[in-house]
PDB file of N, CA and C in Angstrom:
ATOM      1  N   MET A   1       9.959 -61.767 108.599  1.00  0.00           N
ATOM      2  CA  MET A   1       9.223 -62.205 109.237  1.00  0.00           C
ATOM      3  C   MET A   1       8.037 -63.011 108.554  1.00  0.00           C
ATOM      4  N   PRO A   2       7.872 -64.391 108.975  1.00  0.00           N
ATOM      5  CA  PRO A   2       7.181 -64.936 108.046  1.00  0.00           C
ATOM      6  C   PRO A   2       5.938 -64.526 107.398  1.00  0.00           C
ATOM      7  N   GLN A   3       5.179 -64.900 106.574  1.00  0.00           N
ATOM      8  CA  GLN A   3       3.695 -64.287 106.183  1.00  0.00           C
ATOM      9  C   GLN A   3       2.824 -65.419 106.612  1.00  0.00           C
ATOM     10  N   HIS A   4       1.885 -65.074 107.282  1.00  0.00           N
ATOM     11  CA  HIS A   4       0.780 -65.867 107.820  1.00  0.00           C
ATOM     12  C   HIS A   4      -0.218 -66.669 106.774  1.00  0.00           C
ATOM     13  N   ALA A   5      -0.614 -67.590 106.459  1.00  0.00           N
ATOM     14  CA  ALA A   5      -2.148 -67.912 105.389  1.00  0.00           C
ATOM     15  C   ALA A   5      -3.324 -67.519 106.205  1.00  0.00           C
ATOM     16  N   GLN A   6      -3.995 -67.300 105.364  1.00  0.00           N
ATOM     17  CA  GLN A   6      -5.342 -66.726 105.433  1.00  0.00           C
ATOM     18  C   GLN A   6      -6.354 -68.051 105.760  1.00  0.00           C
ATOM     19  N   ASN A   7      -6.984 -67.888 106.629  1.00  0.00           N
ATOM     20  CA  ASN A   7      -7.557 -69.026 106.865  1.00  0.00           C
ATOM     21  C   ASN A   7      -8.627 -68.682 106.097  1.00  0.00           C
ATOM     22  N   THR A   8      -9.272 -69.658 105.619  1.00  0.00           N
ATOM     23  CA  THR A   8     -10.120 -70.064 104.723  1.00  0.00           C
ATOM     24  C   THR A   8     -11.252 -71.060 104.491  1.00  0.00           C
ATOM     25  N   PRO A   9     -11.957 -71.767 105.125  1.00  0.00           N
ATOM     26  CA  PRO A   9     -12.922 -72.513 105.764  1.00  0.00           C
ATOM     27  C   PRO A   9     -13.569 -73.459 104.551  1.00  0.00           C
ATOM     28  N   ALA A  10     -12.725 -74.710 104.563  1.00  0.00           N
ATOM     29  CA  ALA A  10     -13.283 -75.368 102.938  1.00  0.00           C
ATOM     30  C   ALA A  10     -14.551 -75.972 103.152  1.00  0.00           C
ATOM     31  N   CYS A  11     -15.447 -75.798 101.931  1.00  0.00           N
ATOM     32  CA  CYS A  11     -16.639 -76.432 102.078  1.00  0.00           C
ATOM     33  C   CYS A  11     -17.142 -77.775 102.670  1.00  0.00           C
ATOM     34  N   ARG A  12     -18.039 -77.673 103.807  1.00  0.00           N
ATOM     35  CA  ARG A  12     -18.212 -78.948 104.257  1.00  0.00           C
ATOM     36  C   ARG A  12     -18.840 -79.885 103.640  1.00  0.00           C
ATOM     37  N   ASP A  13     -19.370 -79.671 102.523  1.00  0.00           N
ATOM     38  CA  ASP A  13     -19.898 -80.736 101.754  1.00  0.00           C
ATOM     39  C   ASP A  13     -18.902 -81.186 100.374  1.00  0.00           C
ATOM     40  N   CYS A  14     -18.057 -80.456 100.069  1.00  0.00           N
ATOM     41  CA  CYS A  14     -16.959 -81.055  98.698  1.00  0.00           C
ATOM     42  C   CYS A  14     -15.465 -81.124  99.248  1.00  0.00           C
ATOM     43  N   ASP A  15     -15.936 -80.036 100.930  1.00  0.00           N
ATOM     44  CA  ASP A  15     -14.408 -80.559 101.222  1.00  0.00           C
ATOM     45  C   ASP A  15     -13.164 -79.882 100.544  1.00  0.00           C
ATOM     46  N   GLY A  16     -13.806 -79.037  99.708  1.00  0.00           N
ATOM     47  CA  GLY A  16     -12.537 -77.870  98.742  1.00  0.00           C
ATOM     48  C   GLY A  16     -12.700 -78.621  97.436  1.00  0.00           C
ATOM     49  N   PHE A  17     -12.978 -79.465  97.071  1.00  0.00           N
ATOM     50  CA  PHE A  17     -12.925 -80.248  95.851  1.00  0.00           C
ATOM     51  C   PHE A  17     -13.983 -79.787  95.419  1.00  0.00           C
ATOM     52  N   ALA A  18     -14.467 -78.669  94.978  1.00  0.00           N
ATOM     53  CA  ALA A  18     -15.703 -78.327  94.272  1.00  0.00           C
ATOM     54  C   ALA A  18     -15.874 -78.681  93.049  1.00  0.00           C
ATOM     55  N   THR A  19     -15.358 -78.696  92.309  1.00  0.00           N
ATOM     56  CA  THR A  19     -15.664 -79.215  90.477  1.00  0.00           C
ATOM     57  C   THR A  19     -15.292 -80.912  90.408  1.00  0.00           C
ATOM     58  N   ALA A  20     -16.309 -81.061  90.196  1.00  0.00           N
ATOM     59  CA  ALA A  20     -15.876 -82.549  89.433  1.00  0.00           C
ATOM     60  C   ALA A  20     -16.450 -82.882  87.697  1.00  0.00           C
ATOM     61  N   ALA A  21     -15.255 -84.033  87.422  1.00  0.00           N
ATOM     62  CA  ALA A  21     -15.665 -84.233  85.784  1.00  0.00           C
ATOM     63  C   ALA A  21     -16.232 -85.504  86.061  1.00  0.00           C
ATOM     64  N   ILE A  22     -17.123 -85.853  85.455  1.00  0.00           N
ATOM     65  CA  ILE A  22     -17.784 -86.982  84.983  1.00  0.00           C
ATOM     66  C   ILE A  22     -18.211 -87.401  84.143  1.00  0.00           C
ATOM     67  N   THR A  23     -17.434 -88.479  83.324  1.00  0.00           N
ATOM     68  CA  THR A  23     -17.409 -88.944  82.248  1.00  0.00           C
ATOM     69  C   THR A  23     -18.945 -89.391  81.538  1.00  0.00           C
ATOM     70  N   THR A  24     -19.657 -89.442  80.518  1.00  0.00           N
ATOM     71  CA  THR A  24     -20.794 -89.865  80.063  1.00  0.00           C
ATOM     72  C   THR A  24     -20.889 -90.756  79.459  1.00  0.00           C
ATOM     73  N   GLY A  25     -19.477 -91.549  79.529  1.00  0.00           N
ATOM     74  CA  GLY A  25     -19.701 -93.091  78.581  1.00  0.00           C
ATOM     75  C   GLY A  25     -20.181 -93.066  76.911  1.00  0.00           C
ATOM     76  N   THR A  26     -19.797 -91.710  76.136  1.00  0.00           N
ATOM     77  CA  THR A  26     -19.591 -91.580  74.878  1.00  0.00           C
ATOM     78  C   THR A  26     -18.490 -91.099  74.849  1.00  0.00           C
ATOM     79  N   ARG A  27     -17.853 -90.926  73.471  1.00  0.00           N
ATOM     80  CA  ARG A  27     -16.477 -90.668  72.805  1.00  0.00           C
ATOM     81  C   ARG A  27     -16.938 -89.814  71.958  1.00  0.00           C
ATOM     82  N   HIS A  28     -16.103 -88.342  71.658  1.00  0.00           N
ATOM     83  CA  HIS A  28     -16.000 -87.263  70.424  1.00  0.00           C
ATOM     84  C   HIS A  28     -15.445 -88.121  69.220  1.00  0.00           C
ATOM     85  N   ALA A  29     -15.767 -87.672  68.146  1.00  0.00           N
ATOM     86  CA  ALA A  29     -14.988 -87.973  66.605  1.00  0.00           C
ATOM     87  C   ALA A  29     -13.920 -88.720  67.072  1.00  0.00           C
ATOM     88  N   ASP A  30     -13.054 -87.490  67.505  1.00  0.00           N
ATOM     89  CA  ASP A  30     -11.347 -87.749  67.677  1.00  0.00           C
ATOM     90  C   ASP A  30     -10.893 -88.533  68.795  1.00  0.00           C
ATOM     91  N   GLY A  31     -12.008 -89.429  69.480  1.00  0.00           N
ATOM     92  CA  GLY A  31     -11.937 -90.665  70.578  1.00  0.00           C
ATOM     93  C   GLY A  31     -11.758 -89.952  71.738  1.00  0.00           C
ATOM     94  N   THR A  32     -11.758 -88.672  72.011  1.00  0.00           N
ATOM     95  CA  THR A  32     -11.770 -88.233  73.485  1.00  0.00           C
ATOM     96  C   THR A  32     -13.091 -88.701  74.416  1.00  0.00           C
ATOM     97  N   ARG A  33     -12.701 -88.889  75.679  1.00  0.00           N
ATOM     98  CA  ARG A  33     -14.337 -88.968  76.473  1.00  0.00           C
ATOM     99  C   ARG A  33     -15.258 -87.519  76.575  1.00  0.00           C
ATOM    100  N   ALA A  34     -16.320 -87.773  76.322  1.00  0.00           N
ATOM    101  CA  ALA A  34     -17.283 -86.569  76.527  1.00  0.00           C
ATOM    102  C   ALA A  34     -17.231 -86.852  77.924  1.00  0.00           C
ATOM    103  N   THR A  35     -17.249 -85.192  78.892  1.00  0.00           N
ATOM    104  CA  THR A  35     -17.775 -85.127  79.911  1.00  0.00           C
ATOM    105  C   THR A  35     -18.226 -83.943  80.452  1.00  0.00           C
ATOM    106  N   LEU A  36     -18.623 -84.194  81.275  1.00  0.00           N
ATOM    107  CA  LEU A  36     -19.384 -83.201  82.305  1.00  0.00           C
ATOM    108  C   LEU A  36     -18.900 -82.307  83.974  1.00  0.00           C
ATOM    109  N   ARG A  37     -18.902 -80.861  83.700  1.00  0.00           N
ATOM    110  CA  ARG A  37     -18.261 -80.274  84.634  1.00  0.00           C
ATOM    111  C   ARG A  37     -19.591 -80.305  85.530  1.00  0.00           C
ATOM    112  N   VAL A  38     -18.996 -80.582  86.921  1.00  0.00           N
ATOM    113  CA  VAL A  38     -20.527 -80.409  88.045  1.00  0.00           C
ATOM    114  C   VAL A  38     -19.709 -79.730  88.871  1.00  0.00           C
ATOM    115  N   ASN A  39     -20.815 -78.377  89.338  1.00  0.00           N
ATOM    116  CA  ASN A  39     -20.003 -77.772  90.741  1.00  0.00           C
ATOM    117  C   ASN A  39     -20.609 -78.158  92.079  1.00  0.00           C
ATOM    118  N   CYS A  40     -20.336 -78.153  92.874  1.00  0.00           N
ATOM    119  CA  CYS A  40     -20.928 -77.876  94.604  1.00  0.00           C
ATOM    120  C   CYS A  40     -22.075 -77.278  94.565  1.00  0.00           C
ATOM    121  N   PRO A  41     -23.161 -77.624  95.102  1.00  0.00           N
ATOM    122  CA  PRO A  41     -24.218 -76.717  94.894  1.00  0.00           C
ATOM    123  C   PRO A  41     -24.082 -75.993  96.040  1.00  0.00           C
ATOM    124  N   THR A  42     -23.262 -76.392  97.188  1.00  0.00           N
ATOM    125  CA  THR A  42     -23.404 -75.359  98.436  1.00  0.00           C
ATOM    126  C   THR A  42     -22.491 -74.096  98.163  1.00  0.00           C
ATOM    127  N   CYS A  43     -21.230 -74.539  97.804  1.00  0.00           N
ATOM    128  CA  CYS A  43     -20.236 -73.061  97.406  1.00  0.00           C
ATOM    129  C   CYS A  43     -20.535 -72.850  96.242  1.00  0.00           C
ATOM    130  N   GLN A  44     -21.066 -73.337  95.131  1.00  0.00           N
ATOM    131  CA  GLN A  44     -21.329 -72.913  93.950  1.00  0.00           C
ATOM    132  C   GLN A  44     -19.777 -72.925  92.926  1.00  0.00           C
ATOM    133  N   GLY A  45     -18.717 -73.952  93.351  1.00  0.00           N
ATOM    134  CA  GLY A  45     -17.870 -74.271  92.933  1.00  0.00           C
ATOM    135  C   GLY A  45     -16.773 -73.162  93.348  1.00  0.00           C
ATOM    136  N   THR A  46     -16.747 -72.464  94.641  1.00  0.00           N
ATOM    137  CA  THR A  46     -15.592 -71.971  95.257  1.00  0.00           C
ATOM    138  C   THR A  46     -14.598 -72.956  95.612  1.00  0.00           C
ATOM    139  N   GLY A  47     -15.478 -73.753  96.393  1.00  0.00           N
ATOM    140  CA  GLY A  47     -14.459 -74.623  97.787  1.00  0.00           C
ATOM    141  C   GLY A  47     -14.590 -73.565  99.025  1.00  0.00           C
ATOM    142  N   ARG A  48     -14.536 -72.326  99.093  1.00  0.00           N
ATOM    143  CA  ARG A  48     -14.995 -71.932 100.148  1.00  0.00           C
ATOM    144  C   ARG A  48     -16.570 -72.140 100.449  1.00  0.00           C
ATOM    145  N   THR A  49     -16.542 -71.288 101.886  1.00  0.00           N
ATOM    146  CA  THR A  49     -17.806 -71.578 102.368  1.00  0.00           C
ATOM    147  C   THR A  49     -17.608 -69.669 103.448  1.00  0.00           C
ATOM    148  N   LEU A  50     -18.604 -68.949 103.759  1.00  0.00           N
ATOM    149  CA  LEU A  50     -18.562 -67.755 104.370  1.00  0.00           C
ATOM    150  C   LEU A  50     -18.983 -68.211 105.876  1.00  0.00           C
ATOM    151  N   PRO A  51     -18.259 -67.790 106.662  1.00  0.00           N
ATOM    152  CA  PRO A  51     -18.464 -68.096 107.911  1.00  0.00           C
ATOM    153  C   PRO A  51     -20.001 -67.434 108.395  1.00  0.00           C
ATOM    154  N   ALA A  52     -21.343 -68.292 109.252  1.00  0.00           N
ATOM    155  CA  ALA A  52     -22.527 -67.869 109.283  1.00  0.00           C
ATOM    156  C   ALA A  52     -23.090 -66.851 109.802  1.00  0.00           C
ATOM    157  N   ALA A  53     -22.110 -65.890 110.303  1.00  0.00           N
ATOM    158  CA  ALA A  53     -22.340 -64.640 111.021  1.00  0.00           C
ATOM    159  C   ALA A  53     -22.229 -63.307 109.959  1.00  0.00           C
ATOM    160  N   LEU A  54     -21.555 -63.813 108.874  1.00  0.00           N
ATOM    161  CA  LEU A  54     -20.939 -62.864 107.565  1.00  0.00           C
ATOM    162  C   LEU A  54     -22.224 -63.462 106.587  1.00  0.00           C
ATOM    163  N   ALA A  55     -22.700 -64.336 106.833  1.00  0.00           N
ATOM    164  CA  ALA A  55     -23.696 -64.998 106.000  1.00  0.00           C
ATOM    165  C   ALA A  55     -24.922 -64.506 106.077  1.00  0.00           C
ATOM    166  N   ARG A  56     -25.463 -64.275 107.499  1.00  0.00           N
ATOM    167  CA  ARG A  56     -26.423 -63.657 107.644  1.00  0.00           C
ATOM    168  C   ARG A  56     -26.329 -62.341 107.471  1.00  0.00           C
ATOM    169  N   THR A  57     -25.643 -61.524 107.397  1.00  0.00           N
ATOM    170  CA  THR A  57     -25.328 -60.104 107.015  1.00  0.00           C
ATOM    171  C   THR A  57     -25.241 -59.750 105.996  1.00  0.00           C
ATOM    172  N   GLY A  58     -24.922 -60.960 104.983  1.00  0.00           N
ATOM    173  CA  GLY A  58     -25.439 -60.493 103.668  1.00  0.00           C
ATOM    174  C   GLY A  58     -23.808 -59.891 103.228  1.00  0.00           C
ATOM    175  N   ARG A  59     -22.267 -59.853 103.835  1.00  0.00           N
ATOM    176  CA  ARG A  59     -21.328 -59.338 103.331  1.00  0.00           C
ATOM    177  C   ARG A  59     -20.269 -60.061 102.800  1.00  0.00           C
TER     178      ARG A  59
END
């Protein structure tokens, strides 16, 4: 019997890509680039959102 995937809605602001790595333009002593990790402010880095009915009730 096939298993059904859970329907988890993706965040409308980041489209499921919740974290981005942004280069600062500088380099570390070993030559690697210095990066910042930035999370989506809407979903706080999860990539998913709660349905509006659940968000209102606090579940």
